[in-house]
Amino acid sequence: MALTKADMRNLVLRYLAKLPEGQTANAHDASVTEDAIDRCQSWLEADEIAYWESSAIPDGVANAYRNYVAAEVAHEFLPPSQADPYSARRPQALRDLRRFVSKPDADTCALYY
């Protein structure tokens, strides 16, 4: 089952310890996080990594996508000393996202210009 943007928002906020389980996000936290999801989604689509809509994020990329978005918003919510470990996970999250969409053992079409 795919995750919606609201599901991803809540995952990110819980990951950053900004949203206790069973609670709803306040308007500011929700807005900042959803804006970050939109920015990340746009960048991933432009880089041809994301082939899904932000309203239907595949389960297979949920953790990597969460880590990627959390790296984007960590400095908005946390002091630098606490946000830095989240930001440091961005490269690994990007590698995991690329690994999910890559096709091992597939033919590659070479284009020459």
PDB file of N, CA and C in Angstrom:
ATOM      1  N   MET A   1       0.844  -1.179   0.000  1.00  0.00           N
ATOM      2  CA  MET A   1       0.000   0.000   0.000  1.00  0.00           C
ATOM      3  C   MET A   1       0.891   1.245   0.000  1.00  0.00           C
ATOM      4  N   ALA A   2       0.607   2.174  -0.865  1.00  0.00           N
ATOM      5  CA  ALA A   2       1.405   3.389  -0.993  1.00  0.00           C
ATOM      6  C   ALA A   2       1.070   4.391   0.112  1.00  0.00           C
ATOM      7  N   LEU A   3       2.051   5.219   0.420  1.00  0.00           N
ATOM      8  CA  LEU A   3       1.876   6.257   1.437  1.00  0.00           C
ATOM      9  C   LEU A   3       1.411   7.557   0.791  1.00  0.00           C
ATOM     10  N   THR A   4       0.566   8.270   1.488  1.00  0.00           N
ATOM     11  CA  THR A   4       0.149   9.588   1.025  1.00  0.00           C
ATOM     12  C   THR A   4       1.122  10.634   1.546  1.00  0.00           C
ATOM     13  N   LYS A   5       0.968  11.862   1.077  1.00  0.00           N
ATOM     14  CA  LYS A   5       1.826  12.936   1.564  1.00  0.00           C
ATOM     15  C   LYS A   5       1.622  13.143   3.062  1.00  0.00           C
ATOM     16  N   ALA A   6       0.394  13.017   3.537  1.00  0.00           N
ATOM     17  CA  ALA A   6       0.114  13.169   4.972  1.00  0.00           C
ATOM     18  C   ALA A   6       0.788  12.061   5.778  1.00  0.00           C
ATOM     19  N   ASP A   7       0.777  10.836   5.255  1.00  0.00           N
ATOM     20  CA  ASP A   7       1.467   9.731   5.926  1.00  0.00           C
ATOM     21  C   ASP A   7       2.965  10.013   6.015  1.00  0.00           C
ATOM     22  N   MET A   8       3.548  10.487   4.899  1.00  0.00           N
ATOM     23  CA  MET A   8       4.973  10.785   4.885  1.00  0.00           C
ATOM     24  C   MET A   8       5.295  11.936   5.829  1.00  0.00           C
ATOM     25  N   ARG A   9       4.440  12.948   5.845  1.00  0.00           N
ATOM     26  CA  ARG A   9       4.640  14.072   6.763  1.00  0.00           C
ATOM     27  C   ARG A   9       4.711  13.580   8.200  1.00  0.00           C
ATOM     28  N   ASN A  10       3.782  12.725   8.576  1.00  0.00           N
ATOM     29  CA  ASN A  10       3.760  12.201   9.939  1.00  0.00           C
ATOM     30  C   ASN A  10       4.978  11.321  10.226  1.00  0.00           C
ATOM     31  N   LEU A  11       5.403  10.521   9.235  1.00  0.00           N
ATOM     32  CA  LEU A  11       6.606   9.710   9.419  1.00  0.00           C
ATOM     33  C   LEU A  11       7.828  10.589   9.667  1.00  0.00           C
ATOM     34  N   VAL A  12       7.962  11.650   8.880  1.00  0.00           N
ATOM     35  CA  VAL A  12       9.107  12.554   9.031  1.00  0.00           C
ATOM     36  C   VAL A  12       9.076  13.219  10.403  1.00  0.00           C
ATOM     37  N   LEU A  13       7.925  13.719  10.799  1.00  0.00           N
ATOM     38  CA  LEU A  13       7.824  14.410  12.087  1.00  0.00           C
ATOM     39  C   LEU A  13       8.060  13.458  13.257  1.00  0.00           C
ATOM     40  N   ARG A  14       7.603  12.205  13.135  1.00  0.00           N
ATOM     41  CA  ARG A  14       7.875  11.226  14.184  1.00  0.00           C
ATOM     42  C   ARG A  14       9.357  10.871  14.225  1.00  0.00           C
ATOM     43  N   TYR A  15       9.960  10.749  13.063  1.00  0.00           N
ATOM     44  CA  TYR A  15      11.385  10.437  12.964  1.00  0.00           C
ATOM     45  C   TYR A  15      12.228  11.528  13.627  1.00  0.00           C
ATOM     46  N   LEU A  16      11.795  12.775  13.485  1.00  0.00           N
ATOM     47  CA  LEU A  16      12.499  13.897  14.102  1.00  0.00           C
ATOM     48  C   LEU A  16      12.059  14.128  15.551  1.00  0.00           C
ATOM     49  N   ALA A  17      11.207  13.262  16.070  1.00  0.00           N
ATOM     50  CA  ALA A  17      10.675  13.362  17.438  1.00  0.00           C
ATOM     51  C   ALA A  17       9.902  14.668  17.649  1.00  0.00           C
ATOM     52  N   LYS A  18       9.202  15.116  16.624  1.00  0.00           N
ATOM     53  CA  LYS A  18       8.372  16.319  16.711  1.00  0.00           C
ATOM     54  C   LYS A  18       6.892  15.985  16.844  1.00  0.00           C
ATOM     55  N   LEU A  19       6.544  14.721  16.671  1.00  0.00           N
ATOM     56  CA  LEU A  19       5.144  14.331  16.693  1.00  0.00           C
ATOM     57  C   LEU A  19       4.990  13.031  17.469  1.00  0.00           C
ATOM     58  N   PRO A  20       4.420  13.096  18.663  1.00  0.00           N
ATOM     59  CA  PRO A  20       4.178  11.861  19.415  1.00  0.00           C
ATOM     60  C   PRO A  20       3.164  10.974  18.686  1.00  0.00           C
ATOM     61  N   GLU A  21       3.295   9.692  18.892  1.00  0.00           N
ATOM     62  CA  GLU A  21       2.383   8.724  18.283  1.00  0.00           C
ATOM     63  C   GLU A  21       0.942   9.027  18.677  1.00  0.00           C
ATOM     64  N   GLY A  22       0.049   9.016  17.711  1.00  0.00           N
ATOM     65  CA  GLY A  22      -1.362   9.261  17.975  1.00  0.00           C
ATOM     66  C   GLY A  22      -1.761  10.722  17.981  1.00  0.00           C
ATOM     67  N   GLN A  23      -0.804  11.639  17.899  1.00  0.00           N
ATOM     68  CA  GLN A  23      -1.093  13.069  17.883  1.00  0.00           C
ATOM     69  C   GLN A  23      -1.184  13.558  16.431  1.00  0.00           C
ATOM     70  N   THR A  24      -1.736  14.742  16.265  1.00  0.00           N
ATOM     71  CA  THR A  24      -1.764  15.362  14.947  1.00  0.00           C
ATOM     72  C   THR A  24      -0.761  16.515  14.927  1.00  0.00           C
ATOM     73  N   ALA A  25      -0.211  16.748  13.769  1.00  0.00           N
ATOM     74  CA  ALA A  25       0.797  17.800  13.622  1.00  0.00           C
ATOM     75  C   ALA A  25       0.147  19.174  13.700  1.00  0.00           C
ATOM     76  N   ASN A  26       0.865  20.133  14.306  1.00  0.00           N
ATOM     77  CA  ASN A  26       0.335  21.495  14.308  1.00  0.00           C
ATOM     78  C   ASN A  26       0.507  22.086  12.911  1.00  0.00           C
ATOM     79  N   ALA A  27      -0.170  23.179  12.648  1.00  0.00           N
ATOM     80  CA  ALA A  27      -0.225  23.747  11.294  1.00  0.00           C
ATOM     81  C   ALA A  27       1.148  24.136  10.766  1.00  0.00           C
ATOM     82  N   HIS A  28       1.974  24.745  11.599  1.00  0.00           N
ATOM     83  CA  HIS A  28       3.305  25.171  11.148  1.00  0.00           C
ATOM     84  C   HIS A  28       4.185  23.982  10.776  1.00  0.00           C
ATOM     85  N   ASP A  29       4.256  22.994  11.656  1.00  0.00           N
ATOM     86  CA  ASP A  29       5.078  21.814  11.381  1.00  0.00           C
ATOM     87  C   ASP A  29       4.591  21.088  10.130  1.00  0.00           C
ATOM     88  N   ALA A  30       3.278  20.968   9.999  1.00  0.00           N
ATOM     89  CA  ALA A  30       2.707  20.301   8.827  1.00  0.00           C
ATOM     90  C   ALA A  30       3.041  21.063   7.553  1.00  0.00           C
ATOM     91  N   SER A  31       2.913  22.371   7.582  1.00  0.00           N
ATOM     92  CA  SER A  31       3.181  23.189   6.402  1.00  0.00           C
ATOM     93  C   SER A  31       4.652  23.108   5.982  1.00  0.00           C
ATOM     94  N   VAL A  32       5.558  23.246   6.932  1.00  0.00           N
ATOM     95  CA  VAL A  32       6.997  23.190   6.634  1.00  0.00           C
ATOM     96  C   VAL A  32       7.368  21.828   6.057  1.00  0.00           C
ATOM     97  N   THR A  33       6.855  20.773   6.658  1.00  0.00           N
ATOM     98  CA  THR A  33       7.187  19.425   6.216  1.00  0.00           C
ATOM     99  C   THR A  33       6.590  19.120   4.853  1.00  0.00           C
ATOM    100  N   GLU A  34       5.348  19.512   4.616  1.00  0.00           N
ATOM    101  CA  GLU A  34       4.727  19.260   3.317  1.00  0.00           C
ATOM    102  C   GLU A  34       5.401  20.068   2.210  1.00  0.00           C
ATOM    103  N   ASP A  35       5.829  21.279   2.509  1.00  0.00           N
ATOM    104  CA  ASP A  35       6.589  22.058   1.525  1.00  0.00           C
ATOM    105  C   ASP A  35       7.898  21.362   1.187  1.00  0.00           C
ATOM    106  N   ALA A  36       8.560  20.805   2.197  1.00  0.00           N
ATOM    107  CA  ALA A  36       9.813  20.076   1.969  1.00  0.00           C
ATOM    108  C   ALA A  36       9.565  18.818   1.137  1.00  0.00           C
ATOM    109  N   ILE A  37       8.469  18.121   1.396  1.00  0.00           N
ATOM    110  CA  ILE A  37       8.118  16.939   0.601  1.00  0.00           C
ATOM    111  C   ILE A  37       7.929  17.348  -0.858  1.00  0.00           C
ATOM    112  N   ASP A  38       7.233  18.452  -1.099  1.00  0.00           N
ATOM    113  CA  ASP A  38       7.022  18.920  -2.469  1.00  0.00           C
ATOM    114  C   ASP A  38       8.342  19.279  -3.147  1.00  0.00           C
ATOM    115  N   ARG A  39       9.236  19.969  -2.427  1.00  0.00           N
ATOM    116  CA  ARG A  39      10.544  20.320  -2.999  1.00  0.00           C
ATOM    117  C   ARG A  39      11.362  19.070  -3.308  1.00  0.00           C
ATOM    118  N   CYS A  40      11.392  18.152  -2.376  1.00  0.00           N
ATOM    119  CA  CYS A  40      12.148  16.913  -2.583  1.00  0.00           C
ATOM    120  C   CYS A  40      11.564  16.107  -3.741  1.00  0.00           C
ATOM    121  N   GLN A  41      10.256  16.031  -3.796  1.00  0.00           N
ATOM    122  CA  GLN A  41       9.596  15.300  -4.876  1.00  0.00           C
ATOM    123  C   GLN A  41       9.934  15.919  -6.227  1.00  0.00           C
ATOM    124  N   SER A  42       9.881  17.231  -6.317  1.00  0.00           N
ATOM    125  CA  SER A  42      10.205  17.915  -7.571  1.00  0.00           C
ATOM    126  C   SER A  42      11.647  17.636  -7.991  1.00  0.00           C
ATOM    127  N   TRP A  43      12.568  17.696  -7.033  1.00  0.00           N
ATOM    128  CA  TRP A  43      13.959  17.440  -7.350  1.00  0.00           C
ATOM    129  C   TRP A  43      14.160  15.990  -7.783  1.00  0.00           C
ATOM    130  N   LEU A  44      13.548  15.058  -7.076  1.00  0.00           N
ATOM    131  CA  LEU A  44      13.695  13.647  -7.424  1.00  0.00           C
ATOM    132  C   LEU A  44      13.083  13.335  -8.784  1.00  0.00           C
ATOM    133  N   GLU A  45      11.982  13.993  -9.123  1.00  0.00           N
ATOM    134  CA  GLU A  45      11.387  13.811 -10.445  1.00  0.00           C
ATOM    135  C   GLU A  45      12.296  14.392 -11.525  1.00  0.00           C
ATOM    136  N   ALA A  46      12.853  15.566 -11.279  1.00  0.00           N
ATOM    137  CA  ALA A  46      13.748  16.200 -12.253  1.00  0.00           C
ATOM    138  C   ALA A  46      15.005  15.368 -12.471  1.00  0.00           C
ATOM    139  N   ASP A  47      15.474  14.699 -11.426  1.00  0.00           N
ATOM    140  CA  ASP A  47      16.657  13.850 -11.526  1.00  0.00           C
ATOM    141  C   ASP A  47      16.296  12.438 -11.989  1.00  0.00           C
ATOM    142  N   GLU A  48      15.041  12.218 -12.348  1.00  0.00           N
ATOM    143  CA  GLU A  48      14.510  10.949 -12.848  1.00  0.00           C
ATOM    144  C   GLU A  48      14.684   9.803 -11.858  1.00  0.00           C
ATOM    145  N   ILE A  49      14.529  10.130 -10.590  1.00  0.00           N
ATOM    146  CA  ILE A  49      14.561   9.098  -9.552  1.00  0.00           C
ATOM    147  C   ILE A  49      13.135   8.735  -9.161  1.00  0.00           C
ATOM    148  N   ALA A  50      12.299   9.740  -8.938  1.00  0.00           N
ATOM    149  CA  ALA A  50      10.915   9.500  -8.514  1.00  0.00           C
ATOM    150  C   ALA A  50      10.016   9.388  -9.741  1.00  0.00           C
ATOM    151  N   TYR A  51       9.371   8.260  -9.861  1.00  0.00           N
ATOM    152  CA  TYR A  51       8.407   8.043 -10.934  1.00  0.00           C
ATOM    153  C   TYR A  51       6.987   7.981 -10.374  1.00  0.00           C
ATOM    154  N   TRP A  52       6.856   8.258  -9.097  1.00  0.00           N
ATOM    155  CA  TRP A  52       5.575   8.196  -8.410  1.00  0.00           C
ATOM    156  C   TRP A  52       5.128   9.611  -8.057  1.00  0.00           C
ATOM    157  N   GLU A  53       3.866   9.736  -7.704  1.00  0.00           N
ATOM    158  CA  GLU A  53       3.317  11.005  -7.223  1.00  0.00           C
ATOM    159  C   GLU A  53       3.542  11.099  -5.723  1.00  0.00           C
ATOM    160  N   SER A  54       3.563  12.320  -5.204  1.00  0.00           N
ATOM    161  CA  SER A  54       3.750  12.476  -3.754  1.00  0.00           C
ATOM    162  C   SER A  54       2.527  11.989  -2.979  1.00  0.00           C
ATOM    163  N   SER A  55       1.441  11.729  -3.672  1.00  0.00           N
ATOM    164  CA  SER A  55       0.250  11.190  -3.010  1.00  0.00           C
ATOM    165  C   SER A  55       0.234   9.664  -3.021  1.00  0.00           C
ATOM    166  N   ALA A  56       1.251   9.050  -3.649  1.00  0.00           N
ATOM    167  CA  ALA A  56       1.326   7.587  -3.722  1.00  0.00           C
ATOM    168  C   ALA A  56       2.787   7.148  -3.682  1.00  0.00           C
ATOM    169  N   ILE A  57       3.426   7.341  -2.545  1.00  0.00           N
ATOM    170  CA  ILE A  57       4.842   7.004  -2.381  1.00  0.00           C
ATOM    171  C   ILE A  57       4.942   5.496  -2.104  1.00  0.00           C
ATOM    172  N   PRO A  58       5.703   4.764  -2.911  1.00  0.00           N
ATOM    173  CA  PRO A  58       5.793   3.307  -2.719  1.00  0.00           C
ATOM    174  C   PRO A  58       6.379   2.940  -1.354  1.00  0.00           C
ATOM    175  N   ASP A  59       5.905   1.843  -0.812  1.00  0.00           N
ATOM    176  CA  ASP A  59       6.405   1.366   0.477  1.00  0.00           C
ATOM    177  C   ASP A  59       7.903   1.074   0.431  1.00  0.00           C
ATOM    178  N   GLY A  60       8.388   0.636  -0.710  1.00  0.00           N
ATOM    179  CA  GLY A  60       9.792   0.279  -0.834  1.00  0.00           C
ATOM    180  C   GLY A  60      10.754   1.436  -0.629  1.00  0.00           C
ATOM    181  N   VAL A  61      10.291   2.651  -0.835  1.00  0.00           N
ATOM    182  CA  VAL A  61      11.167   3.819  -0.655  1.00  0.00           C
ATOM    183  C   VAL A  61      10.808   4.614   0.591  1.00  0.00           C
ATOM    184  N   ALA A  62       9.882   4.146   1.378  1.00  0.00           N
ATOM    185  CA  ALA A  62       9.373   4.929   2.508  1.00  0.00           C
ATOM    186  C   ALA A  62      10.475   5.378   3.456  1.00  0.00           C
ATOM    187  N   ASN A  63      11.336   4.478   3.874  1.00  0.00           N
ATOM    188  CA  ASN A  63      12.381   4.860   4.837  1.00  0.00           C
ATOM    189  C   ASN A  63      13.406   5.793   4.206  1.00  0.00           C
ATOM    190  N   ALA A  64      13.831   5.504   2.999  1.00  0.00           N
ATOM    191  CA  ALA A  64      14.812   6.364   2.335  1.00  0.00           C
ATOM    192  C   ALA A  64      14.215   7.742   2.052  1.00  0.00           C
ATOM    193  N   TYR A  65      12.976   7.776   1.623  1.00  0.00           N
ATOM    194  CA  TYR A  65      12.300   9.048   1.337  1.00  0.00           C
ATOM    195  C   TYR A  65      12.135   9.846   2.635  1.00  0.00           C
ATOM    196  N   ARG A  66      11.749   9.165   3.690  1.00  0.00           N
ATOM    197  CA  ARG A  66      11.610   9.811   5.006  1.00  0.00           C
ATOM    198  C   ARG A  66      12.940  10.415   5.444  1.00  0.00           C
ATOM    199  N   ASN A  67      14.012   9.655   5.317  1.00  0.00           N
ATOM    200  CA  ASN A  67      15.331  10.152   5.706  1.00  0.00           C
ATOM    201  C   ASN A  67      15.758  11.337   4.846  1.00  0.00           C
ATOM    202  N   TYR A  68      15.439  11.291   3.568  1.00  0.00           N
ATOM    203  CA  TYR A  68      15.799  12.368   2.657  1.00  0.00           C
ATOM    204  C   TYR A  68      15.066  13.664   3.019  1.00  0.00           C
ATOM    205  N   VAL A  69      13.767  13.558   3.258  1.00  0.00           N
ATOM    206  CA  VAL A  69      12.978  14.735   3.640  1.00  0.00           C
ATOM    207  C   VAL A  69      13.396  15.225   5.028  1.00  0.00           C
ATOM    208  N   ALA A  70      13.653  14.314   5.949  1.00  0.00           N
ATOM    209  CA  ALA A  70      14.080  14.712   7.293  1.00  0.00           C
ATOM    210  C   ALA A  70      15.387  15.486   7.241  1.00  0.00           C
ATOM    211  N   ALA A  71      16.287  15.093   6.362  1.00  0.00           N
ATOM    212  CA  ALA A  71      17.544  15.822   6.204  1.00  0.00           C
ATOM    213  C   ALA A  71      17.282  17.241   5.711  1.00  0.00           C
ATOM    214  N   GLU A  72      16.242  17.393   4.918  1.00  0.00           N
ATOM    215  CA  GLU A  72      15.886  18.712   4.380  1.00  0.00           C
ATOM    216  C   GLU A  72      15.310  19.628   5.456  1.00  0.00           C
ATOM    217  N   VAL A  73      14.515  19.091   6.370  1.00  0.00           N
ATOM    218  CA  VAL A  73      13.816  19.936   7.348  1.00  0.00           C
ATOM    219  C   VAL A  73      14.398  19.909   8.758  1.00  0.00           C
ATOM    220  N   ALA A  74      15.392  19.093   8.989  1.00  0.00           N
ATOM    221  CA  ALA A  74      15.920  18.950  10.346  1.00  0.00           C
ATOM    222  C   ALA A  74      16.363  20.281  10.940  1.00  0.00           C
ATOM    223  N   HIS A  75      17.014  21.117  10.147  1.00  0.00           N
ATOM    224  CA  HIS A  75      17.502  22.397  10.674  1.00  0.00           C
ATOM    225  C   HIS A  75      16.377  23.399  10.911  1.00  0.00           C
ATOM    226  N   GLU A  76      15.197  23.139  10.364  1.00  0.00           N
ATOM    227  CA  GLU A  76      14.033  23.985  10.641  1.00  0.00           C
ATOM    228  C   GLU A  76      13.490  23.725  12.045  1.00  0.00           C
ATOM    229  N   PHE A  77      13.602  22.476  12.492  1.00  0.00           N
ATOM    230  CA  PHE A  77      12.964  22.076  13.736  1.00  0.00           C
ATOM    231  C   PHE A  77      13.915  21.880  14.909  1.00  0.00           C
ATOM    232  N   LEU A  78      15.173  21.614  14.634  1.00  0.00           N
ATOM    233  CA  LEU A  78      16.099  21.210  15.693  1.00  0.00           C
ATOM    234  C   LEU A  78      17.314  22.134  15.735  1.00  0.00           C
ATOM    235  N   PRO A  79      17.954  22.228  16.891  1.00  0.00           N
ATOM    236  CA  PRO A  79      19.220  22.979  16.957  1.00  0.00           C
ATOM    237  C   PRO A  79      20.276  22.259  16.116  1.00  0.00           C
ATOM    238  N   PRO A  80      21.291  22.987  15.659  1.00  0.00           N
ATOM    239  CA  PRO A  80      22.293  22.385  14.767  1.00  0.00           C
ATOM    240  C   PRO A  80      22.925  21.102  15.285  1.00  0.00           C
ATOM    241  N   SER A  81      23.216  21.045  16.562  1.00  0.00           N
ATOM    242  CA  SER A  81      23.869  19.841  17.094  1.00  0.00           C
ATOM    243  C   SER A  81      22.968  18.606  16.980  1.00  0.00           C
ATOM    244  N   GLN A  82      21.664  18.797  17.063  1.00  0.00           N
ATOM    245  CA  GLN A  82      20.731  17.672  16.921  1.00  0.00           C
ATOM    246  C   GLN A  82      20.357  17.420  15.465  1.00  0.00           C
ATOM    247  N   ALA A  83      20.383  18.459  14.630  1.00  0.00           N
ATOM    248  CA  ALA A  83      19.978  18.328  13.234  1.00  0.00           C
ATOM    249  C   ALA A  83      21.075  17.719  12.362  1.00  0.00           C
ATOM    250  N   ASP A  84      22.328  17.920  12.731  1.00  0.00           N
ATOM    251  CA  ASP A  84      23.441  17.442  11.905  1.00  0.00           C
ATOM    252  C   ASP A  84      23.415  15.939  11.623  1.00  0.00           C
ATOM    253  N   PRO A  85      23.107  15.079  12.587  1.00  0.00           N
ATOM    254  CA  PRO A  85      23.054  13.643  12.257  1.00  0.00           C
ATOM    255  C   PRO A  85      21.983  13.311  11.208  1.00  0.00           C
ATOM    256  N   TYR A  86      20.863  14.012  11.238  1.00  0.00           N
ATOM    257  CA  TYR A  86      19.826  13.786  10.227  1.00  0.00           C
ATOM    258  C   TYR A  86      20.307  14.250   8.857  1.00  0.00           C
ATOM    259  N   SER A  87      20.960  15.411   8.815  1.00  0.00           N
ATOM    260  CA  SER A  87      21.477  15.932   7.555  1.00  0.00           C
ATOM    261  C   SER A  87      22.560  15.027   6.984  1.00  0.00           C
ATOM    262  N   ALA A  88      23.331  14.404   7.842  1.00  0.00           N
ATOM    263  CA  ALA A  88      24.399  13.522   7.392  1.00  0.00           C
ATOM    264  C   ALA A  88      23.860  12.262   6.714  1.00  0.00           C
ATOM    265  N   ARG A  89      22.604  11.939   6.928  1.00  0.00           N
ATOM    266  CA  ARG A  89      22.006  10.741   6.324  1.00  0.00           C
ATOM    267  C   ARG A  89      21.490  10.991   4.913  1.00  0.00           C
ATOM    268  N   ARG A  90      21.542  12.221   4.424  1.00  0.00           N
ATOM    269  CA  ARG A  90      21.025  12.553   3.101  1.00  0.00           C
ATOM    270  C   ARG A  90      21.698  11.744   1.989  1.00  0.00           C
ATOM    271  N   PRO A  91      23.043  11.658   1.931  1.00  0.00           N
ATOM    272  CA  PRO A  91      23.660  10.893   0.829  1.00  0.00           C
ATOM    273  C   PRO A  91      23.243   9.423   0.813  1.00  0.00           C
ATOM    274  N   GLN A  92      23.165   8.806   1.988  1.00  0.00           N
ATOM    275  CA  GLN A  92      22.746   7.405   2.034  1.00  0.00           C
ATOM    276  C   GLN A  92      21.288   7.261   1.598  1.00  0.00           C
ATOM    277  N   ALA A  93      20.443   8.191   1.995  1.00  0.00           N
ATOM    278  CA  ALA A  93      19.039   8.148   1.576  1.00  0.00           C
ATOM    279  C   ALA A  93      18.930   8.269   0.060  1.00  0.00           C
ATOM    280  N   LEU A  94      19.718   9.145  -0.528  1.00  0.00           N
ATOM    281  CA  LEU A  94      19.701   9.307  -1.978  1.00  0.00           C
ATOM    282  C   LEU A  94      20.201   8.039  -2.672  1.00  0.00           C
ATOM    283  N   ARG A  95      21.243   7.412  -2.139  1.00  0.00           N
ATOM    284  CA  ARG A  95      21.721   6.143  -2.704  1.00  0.00           C
ATOM    285  C   ARG A  95      20.642   5.071  -2.620  1.00  0.00           C
ATOM    286  N   ASP A  96      19.935   5.013  -1.491  1.00  0.00           N
ATOM    287  CA  ASP A  96      18.868   4.023  -1.336  1.00  0.00           C
ATOM    288  C   ASP A  96      17.724   4.274  -2.314  1.00  0.00           C
ATOM    289  N   LEU A  97      17.390   5.536  -2.530  1.00  0.00           N
ATOM    290  CA  LEU A  97      16.342   5.859  -3.501  1.00  0.00           C
ATOM    291  C   LEU A  97      16.774   5.452  -4.909  1.00  0.00           C
ATOM    292  N   ARG A  98      18.003   5.756  -5.264  1.00  0.00           N
ATOM    293  CA  ARG A  98      18.510   5.360  -6.589  1.00  0.00           C
ATOM    294  C   ARG A  98      18.537   3.846  -6.737  1.00  0.00           C
ATOM    295  N   ARG A  99      18.922   3.150  -5.687  1.00  0.00           N
ATOM    296  CA  ARG A  99      18.980   1.687  -5.729  1.00  0.00           C
ATOM    297  C   ARG A  99      17.587   1.099  -5.947  1.00  0.00           C
ATOM    298  N   PHE A 100      16.578   1.721  -5.363  1.00  0.00           N
ATOM    299  CA  PHE A 100      15.215   1.215  -5.511  1.00  0.00           C
ATOM    300  C   PHE A 100      14.739   1.305  -6.960  1.00  0.00           C
ATOM    301  N   VAL A 101      15.099   2.369  -7.646  1.00  0.00           N
ATOM    302  CA  VAL A 101      14.585   2.564  -9.009  1.00  0.00           C
ATOM    303  C   VAL A 101      15.519   2.027 -10.088  1.00  0.00           C
ATOM    304  N   SER A 102      16.709   1.554  -9.726  1.00  0.00           N
ATOM    305  CA  SER A 102      17.627   1.029 -10.741  1.00  0.00           C
ATOM    306  C   SER A 102      17.183  -0.368 -11.152  1.00  0.00           C
ATOM    307  N   LYS A 103      17.605  -0.733 -12.349  1.00  0.00           N
ATOM    308  CA  LYS A 103      17.250  -2.043 -12.882  1.00  0.00           C
ATOM    309  C   LYS A 103      18.522  -2.861 -13.080  1.00  0.00           C
ATOM    310  N   PRO A 104      18.852  -3.711 -12.132  1.00  0.00           N
ATOM    311  CA  PRO A 104      20.043  -4.541 -12.325  1.00  0.00           C
ATOM    312  C   PRO A 104      19.803  -5.579 -13.419  1.00  0.00           C
ATOM    313  N   ASP A 105      20.850  -5.927 -14.103  1.00  0.00           N
ATOM    314  CA  ASP A 105      20.796  -6.964 -15.143  1.00  0.00           C
ATOM    315  C   ASP A 105      19.814  -6.636 -16.258  1.00  0.00           C
ATOM    316  N   ALA A 106      19.660  -5.363 -16.557  1.00  0.00           N
ATOM    317  CA  ALA A 106      18.777  -4.966 -17.645  1.00  0.00           C
ATOM    318  C   ALA A 106      19.621  -4.406 -18.782  1.00  0.00           C
ATOM    319  N   ASP A 107      19.101  -4.517 -19.997  1.00  0.00           N
ATOM    320  CA  ASP A 107      19.789  -3.930 -21.141  1.00  0.00           C
ATOM    321  C   ASP A 107      19.797  -2.429 -21.020  1.00  0.00           C
ATOM    322  N   THR A 108      20.888  -1.835 -21.416  1.00  0.00           N
ATOM    323  CA  THR A 108      21.021  -0.396 -21.368  1.00  0.00           C
ATOM    324  C   THR A 108      21.118   0.122 -22.788  1.00  0.00           C
ATOM    325  N   CYS A 109      20.333   1.108 -23.082  1.00  0.00           N
ATOM    326  CA  CYS A 109      20.340   1.714 -24.404  1.00  0.00           C
ATOM    327  C   CYS A 109      21.337   2.880 -24.394  1.00  0.00           C
ATOM    328  N   ALA A 110      22.314   2.826 -25.271  1.00  0.00           N
ATOM    329  CA  ALA A 110      23.313   3.899 -25.365  1.00  0.00           C
ATOM    330  C   ALA A 110      22.889   4.866 -26.454  1.00  0.00           C
ATOM    331  N   LEU A 111      22.852   6.136 -26.111  1.00  0.00           N
ATOM    332  CA  LEU A 111      22.519   7.184 -27.087  1.00  0.00           C
ATOM    333  C   LEU A 111      23.788   7.959 -27.411  1.00  0.00           C
ATOM    334  N   TYR A 112      24.078   8.063 -28.684  1.00  0.00           N
ATOM    335  CA  TYR A 112      25.246   8.817 -29.112  1.00  0.00           C
ATOM    336  C   TYR A 112      24.781  10.049 -29.863  1.00  0.00           C
ATOM    337  N   TYR A 113      25.368  11.163 -29.555  1.00  0.00           N
ATOM    338  CA  TYR A 113      24.986  12.412 -30.200  1.00  0.00           C
ATOM    339  C   TYR A 113      26.081  12.905 -31.086  1.00  0.00           C
TER     340      TYR A 113
END
